[in-house]
Amino acid sequence: MKKPELLLPAGSLTALKTAFLYGADAVYVGMPKMNLRAKSSFPLEEIKQGVNFAHSQNKKVYIALNLFSKNADIDKLGQAAIDIKEIAPDGAIVSDPGVFMFLREHLPTLPLRISTQANICSWLTAEFWQKMGADLIVLAREVSFAEGCFIKHKLPDMKIEIFVHGAMCISYSGRCLLSAFLAGRSANLGECAYSCRWKFKSKLLMEEELRQGEFLEMFEDDRGSYILNSKDLCLMTKLDKILSAGFDSLKIEGRNKSPYYIAQTARAYRKAIDDYFKNPAQWQPDIYMAELYSLQNRGYTTGFFDGTPTDEAQDYFDTSSKSDWRNIGTVINQNQEHLEIWLYNQINVGDEIEILLPDVFLPLKIKINEIFDPLTQTKVRTLSPGRPNQAAIIYTALPATFGDKKIPPLSIIRREQKGTKGKERERKGTATTIG
C-alpha cells in the first residue's frame, strides 16, 4: 500500500501555508470568478506565490475551475487558460465536459481532475472520464464505501479521490436550489445562504397523493425546527478501511474555512494516516477524533459511507457548534522572552491556552501572565481583535523541556470556552506557566 494524498482546501495564501505547515500533501484553490466558491477571495498573483511556495516545499496545488459554464462564461475561458499556464499548478479540477474539452485543447499537458459536482456514482461514468483522459476522478459524496471499492476494482488504473471531512449539503452533491429560491443567491455559484441551516417556524402537513389521510408533519417546538440541517461529514472512524482500500486522494472540504480548521483537520488526518501505516493492526481513531471535536462543528456523521444515512445524520434541534474550543490566534514570531501573535479572539491575563505544534501531536499548554498591546505600547489585562493592528505580545519563558526548538510562524493557538454546549474532553499533559 502507498499513502494517499492528503488534500486540503485553501481560500487564501495564509490558509495554503497553514495547510502545508500541518502536513497536507496538496491544496486546492479556486480560479478567481471561475469556480464554485464565489466568496473565496484568493487573488491570482497570490495563487502564483502559493504555487511557487508549494513547489519549494515539494507540495502540490490544484486549481478549481469547476463552474457549470453558461454562454457568458465561454469568453472568459481563453484568459483563464492563459492565467493557468502562467500560474503553473499541478492540475485543474473541472466538472463541466465543455470546460474539460476546452482545457484539454488549450492546455494539453495539464492534468485534469473531475470534480464531485460531476456526480460520478458508477464505474461506467468513471470509465467515461478515464477514456476522456482525466487524471483523477472525485466520487460523489453519495457513493458508499462498498460502491467506491467496486469502482476501484473495476478501474484499477484510474486514480480516485473521496471526501473524508467537511460540511454536508441537503441536496445531491451540493446541487441545491433552496438558497436561490429563498434568498436569490445560487449555491451552484458559490453564494449559498445556507438556507438548510435556517430555523423554519411554519407548521406544515404534507400528504402524498396515493396515501390520502396519512400526513407527514413538520413543526416547530421550543427548540426550533431544523429539518434540513445535516451534521458534518467525518470519516476518521472509518479511516483504516479507507486506507486499506487504496484510494489515491483524501479530500477535506472548506475553502471558506478558518486557518484553525485547516490546521486541525490537516494535523489530525496527517497523524492518523502516518500512524496507520506504521502499525495498521493497532490503529484506533480515538485520539484523532478528540482533536476533531475541538473544531466548531454541527456534530459528525459518516454520511453515505455505509449506504443511505438514517435521520441520525441530521440535527433537527439546532445549528450551533458542538465544540468548546475557539481559535485565539496564530503565532507571528517567537523569541526568548515573548510570543508575538495575531488575534482572532479576545485574550485575558490568566487564560490557559494551547499551541498546536506542527511536529508534536500533544498541544503545548501555556498560561498568559502578561499581555502587551503594540498599538498603545502598554501592558493590558485583556485584548480583543478588530483594531487596525490585531497583534499582541505575550511575554513568555517556554518550559525547559522545550529546549531550543522554535514555534513556527502560523502555528495555531486555541482556548477552551467554559460553559458552551460542547462536551468537555480531558487531555493529558499539564499546563505550563509562562511570563
Protein backbone atom coordinates (compact mmCIF):
# COMPACT_ATOMS: atom_id res chain seq x y z
CA MET A 1 0.00 0.00 0.00
CA LYS A 2 1.04 3.58 -0.61
CA LYS A 3 -0.10 6.57 1.37
CA PRO A 4 -2.89 8.57 -0.25
CA GLU A 5 -2.52 12.24 -0.99
CA LEU A 6 -3.93 14.39 1.84
CA LEU A 7 -5.69 17.26 0.08
CA LEU A 8 -6.72 20.41 1.98
CA PRO A 9 -8.70 23.48 0.90
CA ALA A 10 -7.02 26.87 0.66
CA GLY A 11 -9.08 30.05 0.38
CA SER A 12 -6.09 32.32 0.94
CA LEU A 13 -2.30 32.35 0.89
CA THR A 14 -2.28 32.06 4.70
CA ALA A 15 -4.55 29.02 4.55
CA LEU A 16 -2.30 27.44 1.90
CA LYS A 17 0.83 27.87 4.01
CA THR A 18 -1.01 26.68 7.13
CA ALA A 19 -2.15 23.52 5.36
CA PHE A 20 1.40 22.66 4.35
CA LEU A 21 2.77 23.53 7.81
CA TYR A 22 0.43 20.95 9.35
CA GLY A 23 1.03 18.12 6.91
CA ALA A 24 -1.04 18.50 3.75
CA ASP A 25 0.44 16.96 0.62
CA ALA A 26 -1.55 19.26 -1.64
CA VAL A 27 -4.17 22.01 -1.62
CA TYR A 28 -6.90 23.09 -3.99
CA VAL A 29 -7.63 26.75 -4.67
CA GLY A 30 -10.36 28.48 -6.66
CA MET A 31 -9.77 30.18 -10.00
CA PRO A 32 -10.99 33.75 -9.35
CA LYS A 33 -14.55 34.24 -10.69
CA MET A 34 -14.45 30.83 -12.36
CA ASN A 35 -15.06 28.34 -9.55
CA LEU A 36 -17.85 27.26 -7.20
CA ARG A 37 -16.74 29.43 -4.28
CA ALA A 38 -17.53 32.98 -5.36
CA LYS A 39 -16.69 34.31 -1.88
CA SER A 40 -13.22 32.76 -1.93
CA SER A 41 -11.00 35.83 -2.44
CA PHE A 42 -7.66 34.39 -3.47
CA PRO A 43 -6.09 36.86 -5.96
CA LEU A 44 -4.32 35.46 -8.99
CA GLU A 45 -0.95 36.92 -8.02
CA GLU A 46 -1.16 35.34 -4.56
CA ILE A 47 -2.16 32.00 -6.08
CA LYS A 48 1.02 32.19 -8.15
CA GLN A 49 3.01 32.89 -4.98
CA GLY A 50 1.30 29.95 -3.35
CA VAL A 51 2.18 27.59 -6.20
CA ASN A 52 5.82 28.68 -6.05
CA PHE A 53 5.85 28.20 -2.28
CA ALA A 54 4.26 24.76 -2.61
CA HIS A 55 6.77 23.61 -5.18
CA SER A 56 9.63 24.82 -2.98
CA GLN A 57 8.22 22.50 -0.29
CA ASN A 58 7.73 19.61 -2.74
CA LYS A 59 3.95 20.04 -2.40
CA LYS A 60 1.19 20.42 -4.98
CA VAL A 61 -1.57 22.90 -5.84
CA TYR A 62 -4.68 22.15 -7.90
CA ILE A 63 -6.83 24.95 -9.24
CA ALA A 64 -10.60 24.58 -9.23
CA LEU A 65 -12.31 25.63 -12.45
CA ASN A 66 -15.41 23.66 -11.57
CA LEU A 67 -18.15 26.01 -12.69
CA PHE A 68 -21.06 24.87 -14.86
CA SER A 69 -20.48 27.11 -17.84
CA LYS A 70 -23.05 29.39 -19.39
CA ASN A 71 -22.64 31.20 -22.69
CA ALA A 72 -21.40 34.30 -20.86
CA ASP A 73 -18.56 32.25 -19.31
CA ILE A 74 -17.10 30.93 -22.55
CA ASP A 75 -15.30 34.14 -23.50
CA LYS A 76 -13.53 34.06 -20.11
CA LEU A 77 -12.07 30.60 -20.64
CA GLY A 78 -9.35 31.81 -23.01
CA GLN A 79 -7.94 34.20 -20.42
CA ALA A 80 -8.36 31.54 -17.73
CA ALA A 81 -6.21 29.16 -19.78
CA ILE A 82 -3.54 31.85 -20.16
CA ASP A 83 -3.60 32.54 -16.41
CA ILE A 84 -3.41 28.86 -15.53
CA LYS A 85 -0.42 28.38 -17.81
CA GLU A 86 1.33 31.28 -16.07
CA ILE A 87 0.43 30.05 -12.59
CA ALA A 88 1.66 26.53 -13.45
CA PRO A 89 -0.42 24.49 -10.96
CA ASP A 90 -0.18 20.73 -10.75
CA GLY A 91 -3.63 20.25 -12.25
CA ALA A 92 -7.13 21.64 -12.59
CA ILE A 93 -10.43 20.43 -11.11
CA VAL A 94 -13.37 20.62 -13.53
CA SER A 95 -16.96 19.40 -13.65
CA ASP A 96 -18.27 20.69 -16.99
CA PRO A 97 -17.50 18.46 -20.04
CA GLY A 98 -17.22 21.56 -22.22
CA VAL A 99 -14.66 23.16 -19.91
CA PHE A 100 -12.82 19.82 -19.81
CA MET A 101 -12.54 19.71 -23.61
CA PHE A 102 -11.54 23.38 -23.77
CA LEU A 103 -8.67 22.86 -21.32
CA ARG A 104 -7.66 19.61 -22.98
CA GLU A 105 -7.34 21.52 -26.27
CA HIS A 106 -5.63 24.65 -24.97
CA LEU A 107 -3.54 23.13 -22.14
CA PRO A 108 -2.95 19.56 -23.36
CA THR A 109 -0.31 18.71 -20.74
CA LEU A 110 -2.32 19.95 -17.74
CA PRO A 111 -3.60 17.07 -15.57
CA LEU A 112 -7.39 17.32 -15.18
CA ARG A 113 -9.36 16.10 -12.17
CA ILE A 114 -13.11 15.59 -12.30
CA SER A 115 -14.99 17.37 -9.51
CA THR A 116 -17.51 15.77 -7.19
CA GLN A 117 -20.02 18.09 -8.87
CA ALA A 118 -19.86 15.80 -11.92
CA ASN A 119 -21.80 13.25 -9.83
CA ILE A 120 -19.65 10.20 -10.53
CA CYS A 121 -21.52 7.36 -8.85
CA SER A 122 -20.75 4.33 -11.05
CA TRP A 123 -17.82 2.62 -12.67
CA LEU A 124 -19.36 3.29 -16.08
CA THR A 125 -19.26 7.06 -15.54
CA ALA A 126 -15.76 6.77 -14.10
CA GLU A 127 -14.69 4.79 -17.16
CA PHE A 128 -16.10 7.52 -19.44
CA TRP A 129 -13.90 10.13 -17.79
CA GLN A 130 -10.92 7.78 -17.87
CA LYS A 131 -11.34 7.37 -21.63
CA MET A 132 -11.62 11.14 -21.98
CA GLY A 133 -8.18 11.45 -20.41
CA ALA A 134 -8.99 12.52 -16.84
CA ASP A 135 -6.08 12.17 -14.44
CA LEU A 136 -8.30 11.54 -11.40
CA ILE A 137 -11.98 11.39 -10.52
CA VAL A 138 -13.64 12.61 -7.33
CA LEU A 139 -16.52 10.37 -6.32
CA ALA A 140 -19.83 11.96 -5.40
CA ARG A 141 -20.34 12.09 -1.64
CA GLU A 142 -23.43 9.92 -2.10
CA VAL A 143 -21.26 6.93 -3.11
CA SER A 144 -20.92 4.32 -0.36
CA PHE A 145 -17.61 2.77 0.62
CA ALA A 146 -18.59 -0.56 -0.94
CA GLU A 147 -19.57 1.16 -4.20
CA GLY A 148 -16.32 3.11 -4.23
CA CYS A 149 -14.32 -0.07 -3.71
CA PHE A 150 -16.16 -1.71 -6.60
CA ILE A 151 -15.29 1.23 -8.88
CA LYS A 152 -11.67 0.95 -7.77
CA HIS A 153 -11.74 -2.78 -8.53
CA LYS A 154 -13.24 -2.28 -11.99
CA LEU A 155 -10.82 0.52 -12.90
CA PRO A 156 -7.55 -0.22 -11.09
CA ASP A 157 -5.60 2.30 -13.19
CA MET A 158 -7.98 5.19 -12.51
CA LYS A 159 -6.97 7.46 -9.65
CA ILE A 160 -9.87 8.02 -7.23
CA GLU A 161 -10.42 10.72 -4.63
CA ILE A 162 -13.02 10.72 -1.87
CA PHE A 163 -14.21 13.31 0.64
CA VAL A 164 -13.39 12.43 4.24
CA HIS A 165 -14.29 15.59 6.16
CA GLY A 166 -16.38 18.73 5.86
CA ALA A 167 -19.83 20.28 5.61
CA MET A 168 -22.61 18.23 4.03
CA CYS A 169 -25.38 19.61 1.84
CA ILE A 170 -29.02 18.55 1.99
CA SER A 171 -29.09 18.38 -1.82
CA TYR A 172 -27.42 15.90 -4.12
CA SER A 173 -23.69 16.65 -4.34
CA GLY A 174 -24.36 20.27 -3.44
CA ARG A 175 -26.75 20.85 -6.37
CA CYS A 176 -29.05 23.00 -4.20
CA LEU A 177 -31.80 25.34 -5.41
CA LEU A 178 -33.11 26.27 -1.96
CA SER A 179 -30.79 29.26 -1.45
CA ALA A 180 -31.57 30.69 -4.88
CA PHE A 181 -35.31 30.35 -4.25
CA LEU A 182 -35.35 31.86 -0.76
CA ALA A 183 -32.52 34.39 -0.94
CA GLY A 184 -31.69 34.89 -4.61
CA ARG A 185 -28.19 33.51 -4.02
CA SER A 186 -27.17 30.50 -6.07
CA ALA A 187 -25.40 27.69 -4.24
CA ASN A 188 -24.03 26.49 -7.57
CA LEU A 189 -22.23 29.81 -7.97
CA GLY A 190 -20.72 29.67 -4.51
CA GLU A 191 -23.08 32.23 -2.97
CA CYS A 192 -25.11 29.86 -0.80
CA ALA A 193 -27.08 31.47 2.03
CA TYR A 194 -27.09 28.10 3.84
CA SER A 195 -30.88 28.05 3.92
CA CYS A 196 -30.73 24.44 5.11
CA ARG A 197 -29.37 25.74 8.44
CA TRP A 198 -32.20 28.21 8.97
CA LYS A 199 -34.79 27.85 11.69
CA PHE A 200 -38.10 27.17 9.93
CA LYS A 201 -41.10 28.19 12.02
CA SER A 202 -44.19 27.37 9.97
CA LYS A 203 -46.17 24.23 10.72
CA LEU A 204 -46.54 22.07 7.62
CA LEU A 205 -48.57 19.00 6.77
CA MET A 206 -47.73 17.01 3.65
CA GLU A 207 -49.98 14.38 2.10
CA GLU A 208 -48.85 12.04 -0.65
CA GLU A 209 -51.42 11.67 -3.43
CA LEU A 210 -51.85 7.89 -3.16
CA ARG A 211 -51.78 7.85 0.65
CA GLN A 212 -54.70 10.08 1.48
CA GLY A 213 -55.19 10.69 5.17
CA GLU A 214 -51.53 9.90 6.01
CA PHE A 215 -49.79 13.14 6.91
CA LEU A 216 -46.11 13.95 7.35
CA GLU A 217 -46.00 16.67 9.97
CA MET A 218 -43.14 19.15 10.23
CA PHE A 219 -43.43 21.54 13.14
CA GLU A 220 -41.54 23.85 15.46
CA ASP A 221 -41.17 23.25 19.18
CA ASP A 222 -39.33 25.29 21.82
CA ARG A 223 -36.01 24.20 20.31
CA GLY A 224 -36.91 25.30 16.79
CA SER A 225 -37.12 23.22 13.66
CA TYR A 226 -34.04 22.42 11.57
CA ILE A 227 -35.38 19.74 9.25
CA LEU A 228 -32.72 20.28 6.55
CA ASN A 229 -29.65 20.63 8.78
CA SER A 230 -27.06 17.94 8.08
CA LYS A 231 -24.30 17.12 10.52
CA ASP A 232 -20.75 17.50 9.21
CA LEU A 233 -19.02 14.64 7.41
CA CYS A 234 -16.21 12.97 9.34
CA LEU A 235 -14.78 9.62 8.24
CA MET A 236 -11.96 9.44 10.78
CA THR A 237 -13.61 6.43 12.47
CA LYS A 238 -13.60 4.68 9.07
CA LEU A 239 -10.13 5.78 8.02
CA ASP A 240 -8.48 2.40 8.48
CA LYS A 241 -10.90 0.84 5.99
CA ILE A 242 -10.37 3.70 3.55
CA LEU A 243 -6.59 3.43 3.74
CA SER A 244 -6.62 -0.35 3.29
CA ALA A 245 -8.80 0.07 0.18
CA GLY A 246 -6.10 2.05 -1.59
CA PHE A 247 -7.88 5.26 -2.60
CA ASP A 248 -5.47 7.77 -4.11
CA SER A 249 -6.52 11.07 -2.53
CA LEU A 250 -8.44 12.09 0.60
CA LYS A 251 -10.14 15.46 0.35
CA ILE A 252 -11.18 17.82 3.13
CA GLU A 253 -13.89 20.38 2.35
CA GLY A 254 -13.78 24.06 3.28
CA ARG A 255 -12.21 26.78 1.11
CA ASN A 256 -14.08 29.40 3.15
CA LYS A 257 -12.99 27.93 6.50
CA SER A 258 -10.56 29.46 9.01
CA PRO A 259 -6.83 28.67 9.38
CA TYR A 260 -7.74 26.88 12.63
CA TYR A 261 -9.99 24.48 10.72
CA ILE A 262 -7.25 23.96 8.12
CA ALA A 263 -4.61 23.30 10.77
CA GLN A 264 -6.71 20.95 12.89
CA THR A 265 -8.01 18.80 10.06
CA ALA A 266 -4.58 18.64 8.43
CA ARG A 267 -2.73 17.64 11.62
CA ALA A 268 -5.37 15.13 12.73
CA TYR A 269 -5.61 13.32 9.39
CA ARG A 270 -1.85 13.57 8.78
CA LYS A 271 -1.09 11.95 12.14
CA ALA A 272 -3.81 9.34 11.69
CA ILE A 273 -2.59 8.35 8.21
CA ASP A 274 1.05 8.15 9.28
CA ASP A 275 0.23 6.15 12.41
CA TYR A 276 -1.88 3.70 10.43
CA PHE A 277 0.94 2.96 8.01
CA LYS A 278 3.36 2.46 10.90
CA ASN A 279 1.11 -0.09 12.65
CA PRO A 280 -2.21 -0.89 10.94
CA ALA A 281 -3.16 -3.62 13.41
CA GLN A 282 -3.00 -1.31 16.43
CA TRP A 283 -4.61 1.75 14.84
CA GLN A 284 -7.54 3.34 16.72
CA PRO A 285 -9.33 6.61 15.88
CA ASP A 286 -9.98 7.95 19.39
CA ILE A 287 -7.07 10.39 19.85
CA TYR A 288 -7.61 11.93 16.42
CA MET A 289 -11.35 12.24 16.93
CA ALA A 290 -10.74 14.09 20.21
CA GLU A 291 -8.87 16.75 18.25
CA LEU A 292 -11.51 16.95 15.51
CA TYR A 293 -14.15 17.53 18.19
CA SER A 294 -12.25 20.70 19.17
CA LEU A 295 -13.28 22.21 15.83
CA GLN A 296 -16.53 24.10 15.57
CA ASN A 297 -18.90 21.53 14.12
CA ARG A 298 -22.60 20.66 13.90
CA GLY A 299 -21.97 17.14 15.12
CA TYR A 300 -20.42 14.45 12.95
CA THR A 301 -21.84 11.87 10.60
CA THR A 302 -20.26 9.24 8.36
CA GLY A 303 -22.66 10.28 5.62
CA PHE A 304 -23.18 7.70 2.88
CA PHE A 305 -20.19 5.56 3.89
CA ASP A 306 -22.37 2.57 4.86
CA GLY A 307 -25.17 3.40 2.44
CA THR A 308 -28.08 5.82 2.62
CA PRO A 309 -27.86 7.54 6.02
CA THR A 310 -30.63 7.50 8.60
CA ASP A 311 -32.06 10.51 10.42
CA GLU A 312 -29.02 10.32 12.72
CA ALA A 313 -27.13 12.20 10.02
CA GLN A 314 -29.31 15.24 10.70
CA ASP A 315 -29.51 17.60 13.66
CA TYR A 316 -33.15 18.63 13.98
CA PHE A 317 -32.63 20.78 17.07
CA ASP A 318 -30.07 23.50 16.36
CA THR A 319 -27.13 24.52 14.16
CA SER A 320 -24.80 25.79 16.87
CA SER A 321 -21.31 24.38 17.22
CA LYS A 322 -20.81 21.36 19.47
CA SER A 323 -17.25 22.42 20.31
CA ASP A 324 -15.90 24.02 23.48
CA TRP A 325 -12.80 25.36 21.71
CA ARG A 326 -12.13 28.58 19.81
CA ASN A 327 -9.24 29.82 17.71
CA ILE A 328 -7.42 32.55 19.65
CA GLY A 329 -4.84 33.44 17.05
CA THR A 330 -1.69 32.45 15.21
CA VAL A 331 1.97 32.83 16.08
CA ILE A 332 3.76 35.62 14.22
CA ASN A 333 7.15 35.32 15.86
CA GLN A 334 8.87 33.84 18.90
CA ASN A 335 11.96 34.99 20.72
CA GLN A 336 13.42 34.14 24.09
CA GLU A 337 11.11 36.39 26.07
CA HIS A 338 7.82 36.61 24.27
CA LEU A 339 5.41 35.36 21.65
CA GLU A 340 4.01 37.79 19.13
CA ILE A 341 0.60 36.60 17.97
CA TRP A 342 -2.17 37.69 15.59
CA LEU A 343 -5.50 37.83 17.40
CA TYR A 344 -8.75 36.21 16.27
CA ASN A 345 -10.46 36.21 19.68
CA GLN A 346 -10.14 38.06 22.97
CA ILE A 347 -7.34 37.09 25.34
CA ASN A 348 -7.04 37.81 29.05
CA VAL A 349 -4.30 37.64 31.63
CA GLY A 350 -4.68 34.30 33.36
CA ASP A 351 -6.04 32.45 30.32
CA GLU A 352 -4.75 28.96 29.73
CA ILE A 353 -4.17 28.50 26.02
CA GLU A 354 -2.82 25.73 23.81
CA ILE A 355 -0.42 25.99 20.89
CA LEU A 356 -0.79 23.34 18.21
CA LEU A 357 2.73 22.40 17.19
CA PRO A 358 3.12 21.02 13.65
CA ASP A 359 5.55 18.27 14.66
CA VAL A 360 4.10 17.25 18.06
CA PHE A 361 0.54 15.97 18.37
CA LEU A 362 0.13 16.85 22.07
CA PRO A 363 -0.71 20.58 22.34
CA LEU A 364 1.69 22.85 24.22
CA LYS A 365 -0.23 24.30 27.18
CA ILE A 366 0.76 27.72 28.47
CA LYS A 367 -0.74 30.33 30.78
CA ILE A 368 -0.89 34.02 29.92
CA ASN A 369 0.63 36.13 32.69
CA GLU A 370 1.26 39.38 30.82
CA ILE A 371 -0.14 40.98 27.65
CA PHE A 372 1.47 43.87 25.81
CA ASP A 373 -0.50 45.92 23.27
CA PRO A 374 1.85 47.14 20.49
CA LEU A 375 -0.74 49.68 19.33
CA THR A 376 -0.86 51.61 22.63
CA GLN A 377 2.58 50.50 23.82
CA THR A 378 1.12 49.49 27.20
CA LYS A 379 0.55 46.36 29.24
CA VAL A 380 -3.13 45.41 29.44
CA ARG A 381 -5.31 42.90 31.27
CA THR A 382 -7.34 41.98 28.19
CA LEU A 383 -7.07 42.48 24.43
CA SER A 384 -9.52 41.93 21.57
CA PRO A 385 -9.22 41.79 17.77
CA GLY A 386 -10.90 44.20 15.38
CA ARG A 387 -8.34 47.01 15.73
CA PRO A 388 -6.09 48.48 12.98
CA ASN A 389 -3.32 46.28 14.35
CA GLN A 390 -4.52 42.94 15.71
CA ALA A 391 -1.11 41.89 17.02
CA ALA A 392 -0.44 41.16 20.68
CA ILE A 393 2.68 40.23 22.60
CA ILE A 394 2.62 37.62 25.35
CA TYR A 395 5.78 37.55 27.45
CA THR A 396 6.99 34.01 27.74
CA ALA A 397 9.51 31.69 29.27
CA LEU A 398 8.89 28.43 27.49
CA PRO A 399 9.41 25.26 29.54
CA ALA A 400 12.93 23.89 29.79
CA THR A 401 11.78 20.68 28.13
CA PHE A 402 11.01 22.72 25.02
CA GLY A 403 14.75 23.27 24.59
CA ASP A 404 15.97 25.31 21.63
CA LYS A 405 13.00 24.43 19.46
CA LYS A 406 11.15 27.26 17.75
CA ILE A 407 7.41 27.64 17.39
CA PRO A 408 6.89 28.14 13.64
CA PRO A 409 5.02 31.20 12.38
CA LEU A 410 1.35 30.44 11.57
CA SER A 411 1.14 27.93 14.42
CA ILE A 412 -2.40 27.91 15.78
CA ILE A 413 -3.41 28.98 19.29
CA ARG A 414 -6.70 27.90 20.87
CA ARG A 415 -8.59 28.24 24.15
CA GLU A 416 -11.39 26.26 25.75
CA GLN A 417 -14.63 28.21 26.17
CA LYS A 418 -16.12 27.24 29.50
CA GLY A 419 -19.86 26.81 29.68
CA THR A 420 -20.51 26.24 25.97
CA LYS A 421 -22.66 23.42 24.61
CA GLY A 422 -19.86 21.08 23.68
CA LYS A 423 -18.73 18.31 25.98
CA GLU A 424 -15.55 18.87 27.93
CA ARG A 425 -12.88 16.39 26.95
CA GLU A 426 -9.96 15.57 29.15
CA ARG A 427 -6.50 15.87 27.67
CA LYS A 428 -3.26 14.57 29.06
CA GLY A 429 -0.45 16.92 29.99
CA THR A 430 -0.02 19.75 32.45
CA ALA A 431 -0.26 23.49 31.96
CA THR A 432 2.98 25.42 31.80
CA THR A 433 3.11 28.92 33.26
CA ILE A 434 4.87 31.48 31.12
CA GLY A 435 5.76 35.12 31.61
